[in-house]
PDB file of all heavy atoms in Angstrom:
ATOM      1  N   SER A   1       8.131 -50.359 -24.818  1.00  0.00           N
ATOM      2  CA  SER A   1       6.833 -49.830 -24.959  1.00  0.00           C
ATOM      3  C   SER A   1       6.763 -48.584 -25.683  1.00  0.00           C
ATOM      4  O   SER A   1       7.494 -47.681 -25.330  1.00  0.00           O
ATOM      5  CB  SER A   1       6.159 -49.582 -23.608  1.00  0.00           C
ATOM      6  OG  SER A   1       4.870 -49.039 -23.653  1.00  0.00           O
ATOM      7  N   LEU A   2       6.052 -48.514 -26.839  1.00  0.00           N
ATOM      8  CA  LEU A   2       6.065 -47.213 -27.637  1.00  0.00           C
ATOM      9  C   LEU A   2       4.626 -46.967 -28.021  1.00  0.00           C
ATOM     10  O   LEU A   2       3.812 -47.880 -28.160  1.00  0.00           O
ATOM     11  CB  LEU A   2       6.872 -47.465 -28.966  1.00  0.00           C
ATOM     12  CG  LEU A   2       8.329 -47.775 -28.794  1.00  0.00           C
ATOM     13  CD1 LEU A   2       8.983 -48.021 -30.064  1.00  0.00           C
ATOM     14  CD2 LEU A   2       9.053 -46.535 -28.190  1.00  0.00           C
ATOM     15  N   PRO A   3       4.200 -45.722 -28.243  1.00  0.00           N
ATOM     16  CA  PRO A   3       2.787 -45.449 -28.612  1.00  0.00           C
ATOM     17  C   PRO A   3       2.494 -45.834 -30.024  1.00  0.00           C
ATOM     18  O   PRO A   3       3.170 -45.609 -30.919  1.00  0.00           O
ATOM     19  CB  PRO A   3       2.748 -43.945 -28.416  1.00  0.00           C
ATOM     20  CG  PRO A   3       4.168 -43.403 -28.653  1.00  0.00           C
ATOM     21  CD  PRO A   3       4.991 -44.510 -28.048  1.00  0.00           C
ATOM     22  N   VAL A   4       1.332 -46.455 -30.248  1.00  0.00           N
ATOM     23  CA  VAL A   4       0.678 -46.800 -31.461  1.00  0.00           C
ATOM     24  C   VAL A   4      -0.603 -46.124 -31.480  1.00  0.00           C
ATOM     25  O   VAL A   4      -1.508 -46.577 -30.648  1.00  0.00           O
ATOM     26  CB  VAL A   4       0.660 -48.300 -31.745  1.00  0.00           C
ATOM     27  CG1 VAL A   4      -0.058 -48.520 -33.062  1.00  0.00           C
ATOM     28  CG2 VAL A   4       2.056 -48.886 -31.752  1.00  0.00           C
ATOM     29  N   ASP A   5      -0.793 -45.102 -32.359  1.00  0.00           N
ATOM     30  CA  ASP A   5      -2.122 -44.334 -32.365  1.00  0.00           C
ATOM     31  C   ASP A   5      -2.411 -43.794 -30.937  1.00  0.00           C
ATOM     32  O   ASP A   5      -3.553 -43.735 -30.615  1.00  0.00           O
ATOM     33  CB  ASP A   5      -3.240 -45.235 -32.887  1.00  0.00           C
ATOM     34  CG  ASP A   5      -3.030 -45.620 -34.329  1.00  0.00           C
ATOM     35  OD1 ASP A   5      -2.635 -44.792 -35.202  1.00  0.00           O
ATOM     36  OD2 ASP A   5      -3.464 -46.745 -34.679  1.00  0.00           O
ATOM     37  N   GLY A   6      -1.334 -43.467 -30.286  1.00  0.00           N
ATOM     38  CA  GLY A   6      -1.521 -42.815 -28.942  1.00  0.00           C
ATOM     39  C   GLY A   6      -1.507 -43.720 -27.856  1.00  0.00           C
ATOM     40  O   GLY A   6      -1.728 -43.429 -26.686  1.00  0.00           O
ATOM     41  N   VAL A   7      -1.644 -45.224 -28.086  1.00  0.00           N
ATOM     42  CA  VAL A   7      -1.803 -46.157 -26.980  1.00  0.00           C
ATOM     43  C   VAL A   7      -0.485 -46.825 -26.821  1.00  0.00           C
ATOM     44  O   VAL A   7       0.134 -47.400 -27.803  1.00  0.00           O
ATOM     45  CB  VAL A   7      -2.813 -47.162 -27.448  1.00  0.00           C
ATOM     46  CG1 VAL A   7      -3.040 -48.288 -26.399  1.00  0.00           C
ATOM     47  CG2 VAL A   7      -4.214 -46.447 -27.738  1.00  0.00           C
ATOM     48  N   PRO A   8       0.005 -46.972 -25.580  1.00  0.00           N
ATOM     49  CA  PRO A   8       1.270 -47.606 -25.253  1.00  0.00           C
ATOM     50  C   PRO A   8       1.162 -49.196 -25.683  1.00  0.00           C
ATOM     51  O   PRO A   8       0.050 -49.789 -25.455  1.00  0.00           O
ATOM     52  CB  PRO A   8       1.326 -47.493 -23.804  1.00  0.00           C
ATOM     53  CG  PRO A   8       0.613 -46.347 -23.340  1.00  0.00           C
ATOM     54  CD  PRO A   8      -0.561 -46.351 -24.324  1.00  0.00           C
ATOM     55  N   THR A   9       2.101 -49.518 -26.518  1.00  0.00           N
ATOM     56  CA  THR A   9       2.106 -50.851 -27.058  1.00  0.00           C
ATOM     57  C   THR A   9       3.479 -51.554 -26.905  1.00  0.00           C
ATOM     58  O   THR A   9       4.525 -50.893 -27.066  1.00  0.00           O
ATOM     59  CB  THR A   9       1.752 -50.708 -28.558  1.00  0.00           C
ATOM     60  OG1 THR A   9       0.503 -50.074 -28.661  1.00  0.00           O
ATOM     61  CG2 THR A   9       1.663 -52.152 -29.199  1.00  0.00           C
ATOM     62  N   ALA A  10       3.373 -52.870 -26.536  1.00  0.00           N
ATOM     63  CA  ALA A  10       4.686 -53.597 -26.240  1.00  0.00           C
ATOM     64  C   ALA A  10       5.241 -54.012 -27.640  1.00  0.00           C
ATOM     65  O   ALA A  10       4.567 -54.500 -28.420  1.00  0.00           O
ATOM     66  CB  ALA A  10       4.489 -54.842 -25.371  1.00  0.00           C
ATOM     67  N   PHE A  11       6.552 -53.725 -27.717  1.00  0.00           N
ATOM     68  CA  PHE A  11       7.310 -54.245 -28.982  1.00  0.00           C
ATOM     69  C   PHE A  11       8.507 -55.171 -28.515  1.00  0.00           C
ATOM     70  O   PHE A  11       9.070 -54.951 -27.442  1.00  0.00           O
ATOM     71  CB  PHE A  11       7.844 -53.066 -29.697  1.00  0.00           C
ATOM     72  CG  PHE A  11       6.808 -52.356 -30.576  1.00  0.00           C
ATOM     73  CD1 PHE A  11       6.041 -51.307 -29.966  1.00  0.00           C
ATOM     74  CD2 PHE A  11       6.688 -52.590 -31.796  1.00  0.00           C
ATOM     75  CE1 PHE A  11       5.154 -50.578 -30.690  1.00  0.00           C
ATOM     76  CE2 PHE A  11       5.624 -51.893 -32.621  1.00  0.00           C
ATOM     77  CZ  PHE A  11       4.984 -50.906 -32.053  1.00  0.00           C
ATOM     78  N   HIS A  12       8.747 -56.049 -29.316  1.00  0.00           N
ATOM     79  CA  HIS A  12       9.997 -56.821 -29.270  1.00  0.00           C
ATOM     80  C   HIS A  12      11.111 -55.978 -29.898  1.00  0.00           C
ATOM     81  O   HIS A  12      10.958 -55.431 -31.010  1.00  0.00           O
ATOM     82  CB  HIS A  12       9.871 -58.213 -29.881  1.00  0.00           C
ATOM     83  CG  HIS A  12       8.831 -58.996 -29.435  1.00  0.00           C
ATOM     84  ND1 HIS A  12       8.987 -59.897 -28.195  1.00  0.00           N
ATOM     85  CD2 HIS A  12       7.559 -59.254 -29.817  1.00  0.00           C
ATOM     86  CE1 HIS A  12       7.794 -60.413 -28.068  1.00  0.00           C
ATOM     87  NE2 HIS A  12       6.957 -60.151 -28.901  1.00  0.00           N
ATOM     88  N   TYR A  13      12.272 -55.904 -29.155  1.00  0.00           N
ATOM     89  CA  TYR A  13      13.291 -54.868 -29.693  1.00  0.00           C
ATOM     90  C   TYR A  13      14.710 -55.571 -29.505  1.00  0.00           C
ATOM     91  O   TYR A  13      14.925 -56.288 -28.537  1.00  0.00           O
ATOM     92  CB  TYR A  13      13.256 -53.756 -28.695  1.00  0.00           C
ATOM     93  CG  TYR A  13      14.348 -52.705 -29.032  1.00  0.00           C
ATOM     94  CD1 TYR A  13      14.251 -51.849 -30.172  1.00  0.00           C
ATOM     95  CD2 TYR A  13      15.433 -52.526 -28.197  1.00  0.00           C
ATOM     96  CE1 TYR A  13      15.307 -50.981 -30.366  1.00  0.00           C
ATOM     97  CE2 TYR A  13      16.464 -51.646 -28.320  1.00  0.00           C
ATOM     98  CZ  TYR A  13      16.482 -50.873 -29.480  1.00  0.00           C
ATOM     99  OH  TYR A  13      17.369 -49.951 -29.757  1.00  0.00           O
ATOM    100  N   ARG A  14      15.489 -55.341 -30.551  1.00  0.00           N
ATOM    101  CA  ARG A  14      16.935 -55.841 -30.401  1.00  0.00           C
ATOM    102  C   ARG A  14      17.878 -54.771 -31.071  1.00  0.00           C
ATOM    103  O   ARG A  14      17.423 -54.097 -32.050  1.00  0.00           O
ATOM    104  CB  ARG A  14      17.165 -57.186 -30.970  1.00  0.00           C
ATOM    105  CG  ARG A  14      16.947 -57.413 -32.384  1.00  0.00           C
ATOM    106  CD  ARG A  14      17.213 -58.830 -32.722  1.00  0.00           C
ATOM    107  NE  ARG A  14      17.030 -58.925 -34.212  1.00  0.00           N
ATOM    108  CZ  ARG A  14      17.877 -58.849 -35.204  1.00  0.00           C
ATOM    109  NH1 ARG A  14      19.139 -58.425 -34.813  1.00  0.00           N
ATOM    110  NH2 ARG A  14      17.590 -59.069 -36.525  1.00  0.00           N
ATOM    111  N   GLU A  15      19.075 -54.768 -30.591  1.00  0.00           N
ATOM    112  CA  GLU A  15      20.161 -53.926 -31.271  1.00  0.00           C
ATOM    113  C   GLU A  15      21.252 -54.764 -31.788  1.00  0.00           C
ATOM    114  O   GLU A  15      21.535 -55.862 -31.263  1.00  0.00           O
ATOM    115  CB  GLU A  15      20.658 -52.927 -30.294  1.00  0.00           C
ATOM    116  CG  GLU A  15      19.692 -51.870 -29.806  1.00  0.00           C
ATOM    117  CD  GLU A  15      20.371 -50.859 -28.828  1.00  0.00           C
ATOM    118  OE1 GLU A  15      21.342 -51.067 -28.611  1.00  0.00           O
ATOM    119  OE2 GLU A  15      19.529 -49.932 -28.530  1.00  0.00           O
ATOM    120  N   SER A  16      22.024 -54.218 -32.834  1.00  0.00           N
ATOM    121  CA  SER A  16      23.078 -54.975 -33.269  1.00  0.00           C
ATOM    122  C   SER A  16      24.077 -53.921 -33.664  1.00  0.00           C
ATOM    123  O   SER A  16      23.802 -52.700 -33.710  1.00  0.00           O
ATOM    124  CB  SER A  16      22.852 -55.852 -34.470  1.00  0.00           C
ATOM    125  OG  SER A  16      22.637 -55.009 -35.662  1.00  0.00           O
ATOM    126  N   GLU A  17      25.261 -54.226 -34.165  1.00  0.00           N
ATOM    127  CA  GLU A  17      26.323 -53.253 -34.595  1.00  0.00           C
ATOM    128  C   GLU A  17      25.810 -52.469 -35.809  1.00  0.00           C
ATOM    129  O   GLU A  17      26.389 -51.412 -36.123  1.00  0.00           O
ATOM    130  CB  GLU A  17      27.572 -53.952 -34.817  1.00  0.00           C
ATOM    131  CG  GLU A  17      27.588 -54.971 -35.951  1.00  0.00           C
ATOM    132  CD  GLU A  17      28.930 -55.669 -36.179  1.00  0.00           C
ATOM    133  OE1 GLU A  17      29.862 -54.829 -36.219  1.00  0.00           O
ATOM    134  OE2 GLU A  17      28.992 -56.863 -36.310  1.00  0.00           O
ATOM    135  N   PHE A  18      24.826 -53.016 -36.450  1.00  0.00           N
ATOM    136  CA  PHE A  18      24.472 -52.368 -37.732  1.00  0.00           C
ATOM    137  C   PHE A  18      23.200 -51.498 -37.582  1.00  0.00           C
ATOM    138  O   PHE A  18      22.767 -50.756 -38.409  1.00  0.00           O
ATOM    139  CB  PHE A  18      23.967 -53.502 -38.722  1.00  0.00           C
ATOM    140  CG  PHE A  18      25.139 -54.494 -38.951  1.00  0.00           C
ATOM    141  CD1 PHE A  18      24.958 -55.894 -38.622  1.00  0.00           C
ATOM    142  CD2 PHE A  18      26.433 -54.104 -39.408  1.00  0.00           C
ATOM    143  CE1 PHE A  18      25.950 -56.719 -38.838  1.00  0.00           C
ATOM    144  CE2 PHE A  18      27.323 -55.024 -39.621  1.00  0.00           C
ATOM    145  CZ  PHE A  18      27.139 -56.331 -39.346  1.00  0.00           C
ATOM    146  N   GLY A  19      22.472 -51.544 -36.354  1.00  0.00           N
ATOM    147  CA  GLY A  19      21.304 -50.709 -36.213  1.00  0.00           C
ATOM    148  C   GLY A  19      20.347 -51.419 -35.223  1.00  0.00           C
ATOM    149  O   GLY A  19      20.779 -52.376 -34.488  1.00  0.00           O
ATOM    150  N   TRP A  20      19.092 -51.054 -35.265  1.00  0.00           N
ATOM    151  CA  TRP A  20      18.126 -51.760 -34.315  1.00  0.00           C
ATOM    152  C   TRP A  20      16.881 -52.248 -35.196  1.00  0.00           C
ATOM    153  O   TRP A  20      16.718 -51.875 -36.335  1.00  0.00           O
ATOM    154  CB  TRP A  20      17.673 -50.739 -33.301  1.00  0.00           C
ATOM    155  CG  TRP A  20      17.176 -49.404 -33.783  1.00  0.00           C
ATOM    156  CD1 TRP A  20      17.905 -48.275 -33.904  1.00  0.00           C
ATOM    157  CD2 TRP A  20      15.817 -49.100 -34.361  1.00  0.00           C
ATOM    158  NE1 TRP A  20      17.060 -47.259 -34.462  1.00  0.00           N
ATOM    159  CE2 TRP A  20      15.857 -47.736 -34.665  1.00  0.00           C
ATOM    160  CE3 TRP A  20      14.691 -49.849 -34.549  1.00  0.00           C
ATOM    161  CZ2 TRP A  20      14.745 -47.141 -35.312  1.00  0.00           C
ATOM    162  CZ3 TRP A  20      13.547 -49.196 -35.125  1.00  0.00           C
ATOM    163  CH2 TRP A  20      13.655 -47.896 -35.458  1.00  0.00           C
ATOM    164  N   VAL A  21      16.173 -53.177 -34.587  1.00  0.00           N
ATOM    165  CA  VAL A  21      14.922 -53.761 -35.157  1.00  0.00           C
ATOM    166  C   VAL A  21      14.003 -53.894 -34.044  1.00  0.00           C
ATOM    167  O   VAL A  21      14.261 -54.296 -32.931  1.00  0.00           O
ATOM    168  CB  VAL A  21      15.269 -55.176 -35.706  1.00  0.00           C
ATOM    169  CG1 VAL A  21      14.059 -55.962 -36.168  1.00  0.00           C
ATOM    170  CG2 VAL A  21      16.313 -54.986 -36.909  1.00  0.00           C
ATOM    171  N   LEU A  22      12.719 -53.727 -34.372  1.00  0.00           N
ATOM    172  CA  LEU A  22      11.581 -53.919 -33.481  1.00  0.00           C
ATOM    173  C   LEU A  22      10.435 -54.410 -34.096  1.00  0.00           C
ATOM    174  O   LEU A  22      10.278 -54.313 -35.347  1.00  0.00           O
ATOM    175  CB  LEU A  22      11.336 -52.659 -32.600  1.00  0.00           C
ATOM    176  CG  LEU A  22      10.876 -51.432 -33.343  1.00  0.00           C
ATOM    177  CD1 LEU A  22       9.379 -51.397 -33.778  1.00  0.00           C
ATOM    178  CD2 LEU A  22      11.060 -50.159 -32.378  1.00  0.00           C
ATOM    179  N   ALA A  23       9.422 -55.030 -33.410  1.00  0.00           N
ATOM    180  CA  ALA A  23       8.184 -55.646 -34.129  1.00  0.00           C
ATOM    181  C   ALA A  23       7.097 -55.795 -32.950  1.00  0.00           C
ATOM    182  O   ALA A  23       7.344 -56.053 -31.827  1.00  0.00           O
ATOM    183  CB  ALA A  23       8.463 -56.970 -34.670  1.00  0.00           C
ATOM    184  N   GLY A  24       5.836 -55.427 -33.414  1.00  0.00           N
ATOM    185  CA  GLY A  24       4.666 -55.560 -32.447  1.00  0.00           C
ATOM    186  C   GLY A  24       3.376 -55.643 -33.308  1.00  0.00           C
ATOM    187  O   GLY A  24       3.514 -55.661 -34.645  1.00  0.00           O
ATOM    188  N   SER A  25       2.352 -55.754 -32.625  1.00  0.00           N
ATOM    189  CA  SER A  25       1.012 -55.763 -33.304  1.00  0.00           C
ATOM    190  C   SER A  25       0.213 -54.535 -32.989  1.00  0.00           C
ATOM    191  O   SER A  25       0.479 -53.856 -31.925  1.00  0.00           O
ATOM    192  CB  SER A  25       0.352 -57.046 -32.957  1.00  0.00           C
ATOM    193  OG  SER A  25       0.913 -58.162 -33.441  1.00  0.00           O
ATOM    194  N   THR A  26      -0.692 -54.224 -33.754  1.00  0.00           N
ATOM    195  CA  THR A  26      -1.669 -53.060 -33.450  1.00  0.00           C
ATOM    196  C   THR A  26      -3.146 -53.623 -33.464  1.00  0.00           C
ATOM    197  O   THR A  26      -3.384 -54.848 -33.726  1.00  0.00           O
ATOM    198  CB  THR A  26      -1.603 -52.080 -34.680  1.00  0.00           C
ATOM    199  OG1 THR A  26      -2.382 -52.442 -35.789  1.00  0.00           O
ATOM    200  CG2 THR A  26      -0.149 -51.764 -35.036  1.00  0.00           C
ATOM    201  N   SER A  27      -3.983 -52.720 -32.955  1.00  0.00           N
ATOM    202  CA  SER A  27      -5.493 -53.040 -32.935  1.00  0.00           C
ATOM    203  C   SER A  27      -6.099 -52.910 -34.256  1.00  0.00           C
ATOM    204  O   SER A  27      -7.298 -53.136 -34.368  1.00  0.00           O
ATOM    205  CB  SER A  27      -6.164 -52.182 -31.868  1.00  0.00           C
ATOM    206  OG  SER A  27      -5.991 -50.792 -32.252  1.00  0.00           O
ATOM    207  N   ALA A  28      -5.367 -52.556 -35.228  1.00  0.00           N
ATOM    208  CA  ALA A  28      -5.968 -52.160 -36.581  1.00  0.00           C
ATOM    209  C   ALA A  28      -5.844 -53.454 -37.485  1.00  0.00           C
ATOM    210  O   ALA A  28      -6.040 -53.229 -38.726  1.00  0.00           O
ATOM    211  CB  ALA A  28      -5.288 -50.992 -37.147  1.00  0.00           C
ATOM    212  N   GLY A  29      -5.492 -54.479 -37.020  1.00  0.00           N
ATOM    213  CA  GLY A  29      -5.322 -55.751 -37.905  1.00  0.00           C
ATOM    214  C   GLY A  29      -4.113 -55.855 -38.710  1.00  0.00           C
ATOM    215  O   GLY A  29      -4.058 -56.520 -39.690  1.00  0.00           O
ATOM    216  N   VAL A  30      -3.043 -55.130 -38.249  1.00  0.00           N
ATOM    217  CA  VAL A  30      -1.751 -55.293 -38.961  1.00  0.00           C
ATOM    218  C   VAL A  30      -0.620 -55.515 -37.875  1.00  0.00           C
ATOM    219  O   VAL A  30      -0.785 -55.112 -36.686  1.00  0.00           O
ATOM    220  CB  VAL A  30      -1.447 -53.997 -39.699  1.00  0.00           C
ATOM    221  CG1 VAL A  30      -2.426 -53.787 -40.807  1.00  0.00           C
ATOM    222  CG2 VAL A  30      -1.436 -52.788 -38.897  1.00  0.00           C
ATOM    223  N   HIS A  31       0.480 -56.046 -38.297  1.00  0.00           N
ATOM    224  CA  HIS A  31       1.632 -56.015 -37.550  1.00  0.00           C
ATOM    225  C   HIS A  31       2.637 -54.899 -37.958  1.00  0.00           C
ATOM    226  O   HIS A  31       2.577 -54.653 -39.177  1.00  0.00           O
ATOM    227  CB  HIS A  31       2.301 -57.414 -37.653  1.00  0.00           C
ATOM    228  CG  HIS A  31       1.463 -58.544 -37.360  1.00  0.00           C
ATOM    229  ND1 HIS A  31       0.937 -58.799 -36.093  1.00  0.00           N
ATOM    230  CD2 HIS A  31       0.946 -59.623 -38.102  1.00  0.00           C
ATOM    231  CE1 HIS A  31       0.122 -59.938 -36.144  1.00  0.00           C
ATOM    232  NE2 HIS A  31       0.230 -60.410 -37.334  1.00  0.00           N
ATOM    233  N   VAL A  32       3.380 -54.433 -37.045  1.00  0.00           N
ATOM    234  CA  VAL A  32       4.340 -53.352 -37.446  1.00  0.00           C
ATOM    235  C   VAL A  32       5.707 -53.775 -36.963  1.00  0.00           C
ATOM    236  O   VAL A  32       5.966 -54.186 -35.925  1.00  0.00           O
ATOM    237  CB  VAL A  32       3.925 -52.094 -36.619  1.00  0.00           C
ATOM    238  CG1 VAL A  32       5.008 -51.046 -36.910  1.00  0.00           C
ATOM    239  CG2 VAL A  32       2.555 -51.438 -37.348  1.00  0.00           C
ATOM    240  N   GLY A  33       6.623 -53.686 -37.953  1.00  0.00           N
ATOM    241  CA  GLY A  33       8.070 -53.818 -37.789  1.00  0.00           C
ATOM    242  C   GLY A  33       8.742 -52.477 -38.048  1.00  0.00           C
ATOM    243  O   GLY A  33       8.162 -51.641 -38.742  1.00  0.00           O
ATOM    244  N   ALA A  34       9.910 -52.300 -37.543  1.00  0.00           N
ATOM    245  CA  ALA A  34      10.703 -51.156 -37.871  1.00  0.00           C
ATOM    246  C   ALA A  34      12.174 -51.403 -37.672  1.00  0.00           C
ATOM    247  O   ALA A  34      12.474 -52.361 -36.873  1.00  0.00           O
ATOM    248  CB  ALA A  34      10.307 -50.058 -36.912  1.00  0.00           C
ATOM    249  N   TYR A  35      13.002 -50.746 -38.408  1.00  0.00           N
ATOM    250  CA  TYR A  35      14.475 -50.792 -38.181  1.00  0.00           C
ATOM    251  C   TYR A  35      14.984 -49.419 -38.599  1.00  0.00           C
ATOM    252  O   TYR A  35      14.349 -48.569 -39.222  1.00  0.00           O
ATOM    253  CB  TYR A  35      15.016 -51.843 -39.186  1.00  0.00           C
ATOM    254  CG  TYR A  35      14.809 -51.557 -40.726  1.00  0.00           C
ATOM    255  CD1 TYR A  35      15.834 -50.908 -41.453  1.00  0.00           C
ATOM    256  CD2 TYR A  35      13.668 -52.156 -41.453  1.00  0.00           C
ATOM    257  CE1 TYR A  35      15.660 -50.719 -42.796  1.00  0.00           C
ATOM    258  CE2 TYR A  35      13.534 -51.872 -42.705  1.00  0.00           C
ATOM    259  CZ  TYR A  35      14.568 -51.309 -43.370  1.00  0.00           C
ATOM    260  OH  TYR A  35      14.326 -51.103 -44.752  1.00  0.00           O
ATOM    261  N   GLY A  36      16.249 -49.209 -38.065  1.00  0.00           N
ATOM    262  CA  GLY A  36      16.857 -47.862 -38.267  1.00  0.00           C
ATOM    263  C   GLY A  36      18.207 -47.755 -37.752  1.00  0.00           C
ATOM    264  O   GLY A  36      18.795 -48.820 -37.303  1.00  0.00           O
ATOM    265  N   ARG A  37      18.850 -46.650 -38.004  1.00  0.00           N
ATOM    266  CA  ARG A  37      20.220 -46.465 -37.654  1.00  0.00           C
ATOM    267  C   ARG A  37      20.305 -44.943 -37.534  1.00  0.00           C
ATOM    268  O   ARG A  37      19.868 -44.173 -38.314  1.00  0.00           O
ATOM    269  CB  ARG A  37      21.154 -47.024 -38.689  1.00  0.00           C
ATOM    270  CG  ARG A  37      22.648 -46.921 -38.309  1.00  0.00           C
ATOM    271  CD  ARG A  37      23.444 -48.004 -39.419  1.00  0.00           C
ATOM    272  NE  ARG A  37      23.222 -47.616 -40.787  1.00  0.00           N
ATOM    273  CZ  ARG A  37      23.305 -48.412 -41.794  1.00  0.00           C
ATOM    274  NH1 ARG A  37      23.429 -49.701 -41.497  1.00  0.00           N
ATOM    275  NH2 ARG A  37      23.259 -48.118 -43.047  1.00  0.00           N
TER     276      ARG A  37
END
């Protein structure tokens, strides 16, 4: 659960040896994904 525009939002999340990936939806008509290291 991470904030999106200040509202707690559920994301799907996974980690690997290369970094992490997550994805969820917003109330603004878009889906948000992210990755990092």
